[in-house]
Protein backbone atom coordinates (compact mmCIF):
# COMPACT_ATOMS: atom_id res chain seq x y z
CA MET A 1 -26.49 27.19 16.70
CA SER A 2 -26.72 29.22 19.86
CA ALA A 3 -27.39 32.94 20.09
CA HIS A 4 -24.10 33.27 22.04
CA ARG A 5 -22.12 31.76 19.15
CA LEU A 6 -23.93 33.99 16.62
CA ARG A 7 -23.07 37.09 18.63
CA THR A 8 -19.43 35.97 18.91
CA SER A 9 -19.30 35.63 15.08
CA SER A 10 -20.71 39.05 14.77
CA ARG A 11 -18.13 40.56 17.21
CA GLU A 12 -15.43 38.71 15.32
CA PHE A 13 -16.57 40.23 11.99
CA PHE A 14 -16.56 43.63 13.53
CA GLY A 15 -13.17 43.06 15.01
CA GLU A 16 -11.64 41.87 11.76
CA ARG A 17 -13.06 44.78 9.72
CA PHE A 18 -12.05 47.34 12.33
CA ARG A 19 -8.69 45.91 12.61
CA ASP A 20 -8.04 45.96 8.86
CA ASN A 21 -9.40 49.43 8.50
CA LEU A 22 -7.32 50.78 11.41
CA SER A 23 -4.12 49.23 10.30
CA SER A 24 -4.56 50.62 6.62
CA ALA A 25 -5.40 54.10 8.00
CA ARG A 26 -2.38 54.08 10.35
CA ARG A 27 -0.11 53.05 7.49
CA ARG A 28 -1.52 55.73 5.21
CA SER A 29 -0.83 58.30 7.99
CA GLY A 30 2.73 57.10 8.28
CA LEU A 31 2.49 56.57 12.05
CA THR A 32 3.82 53.58 14.02
CA GLN A 33 1.52 52.02 16.55
CA GLU A 34 3.41 53.79 19.38
CA GLU A 35 3.20 57.14 17.61
CA LEU A 36 -0.53 56.69 16.97
CA GLY A 37 -1.21 55.61 20.56
CA ALA A 38 0.65 58.65 21.90
CA LYS A 39 -1.23 61.05 19.61
CA ALA A 40 -4.60 59.46 20.49
CA GLY A 41 -3.77 59.28 24.20
CA ILE A 42 -4.31 55.59 24.44
CA GLY A 43 -0.76 54.10 24.17
CA GLY A 44 0.78 51.84 21.63
CA HIS A 45 -0.25 48.77 23.55
CA MET A 46 -3.91 49.59 22.99
CA VAL A 47 -3.29 50.12 19.25
CA ARG A 48 -1.64 46.75 19.08
CA LEU A 49 -4.58 45.13 20.75
CA LEU A 50 -7.06 46.89 18.36
CA GLU A 51 -5.03 45.97 15.33
CA SER A 52 -4.65 42.35 16.42
CA GLY A 53 -8.48 42.16 16.91
CA ASP A 54 -8.04 41.29 20.55
CA ARG A 55 -9.93 44.49 21.60
CA SER A 56 -12.91 46.36 20.07
CA PRO A 57 -12.85 50.11 20.58
CA GLN A 58 -15.25 52.30 22.45
CA LEU A 59 -16.72 55.07 20.31
CA GLU A 60 -14.48 57.77 22.05
CA THR A 61 -11.36 55.65 21.30
CA ALA A 62 -12.35 55.30 17.63
CA LEU A 63 -12.95 58.96 17.38
CA ARG A 64 -9.65 59.82 19.05
CA LEU A 65 -7.80 57.42 16.63
CA ALA A 66 -9.48 58.84 13.55
CA ASP A 67 -8.75 62.40 14.56
CA SER A 68 -5.13 61.55 15.36
CA MET A 69 -4.75 60.28 11.79
CA ASP A 70 -6.68 63.13 10.22
CA GLU A 71 -9.09 60.48 9.00
CA PRO A 72 -12.87 60.51 9.07
CA LEU A 73 -14.46 58.04 11.48
CA ASP A 74 -16.39 56.31 8.68
CA ARG A 75 -12.98 55.03 7.29
CA LEU A 76 -12.42 52.97 10.42
CA VAL A 77 -15.93 51.43 10.17
CA LEU A 78 -15.93 51.04 6.45
CA ASP A 79 -17.93 48.05 5.24
CA ILE A 80 -19.42 47.49 8.80
CA GLU A 81 -23.12 47.78 9.31
CA TRP A 82 -25.39 46.89 12.21
CA LEU A 83 -28.67 45.18 11.38
CA PRO A 84 -31.13 45.54 14.25
CA ALA A 85 -32.85 42.47 15.74
CA GLU A 86 -36.15 43.20 13.91
CA LEU A 87 -34.40 42.85 10.47
CA VAL A 88 -32.62 39.56 11.12
CA THR A 89 -34.06 36.45 12.61
CA ARG A 90 -31.23 35.73 15.11
CA GLY A 91 -31.01 39.15 16.85
CA GLY A 92 -28.89 42.08 15.84
CA ASP A 93 -25.70 41.32 13.86
CA TYR A 94 -22.81 43.15 12.26
CA VAL A 95 -22.58 42.46 8.58
CA ARG A 96 -20.78 43.75 5.57
CA ALA A 97 -22.27 47.04 4.55
CA ARG A 98 -24.86 46.84 1.66
CA ARG A 99 -24.32 50.42 0.63
CA PRO A 100 -21.19 50.99 -1.47
CA HIS A 101 -18.66 53.37 0.23
CA THR A 102 -16.78 55.81 -1.82
CA ALA A 103 -13.18 56.45 -0.95
CA ARG A 104 -12.30 60.01 0.03
CA PRO A 105 -9.02 61.69 -1.14
């Protein structure tokens, strides 16, 4: 398997987990995609792209989204952990977090 394919799988994993976490947080906050996009200053179209997994956020965007929902950033990246290249044989990779995360009220 090529390194490119492994990196793609890693990005897909990140996108899937972020998408699920963002969608859940947005529903908890009671906001529509348009409302969240307006509050975060990124527009509803970008929220739709993030929730569909078609885009991955930059850190600033993730922070703005979390802040707009009064959620800690760690909820949006729940169960995502980066393993640096020296810890895996195929280069760095996103994986399901090994540490159990506790839900916050």
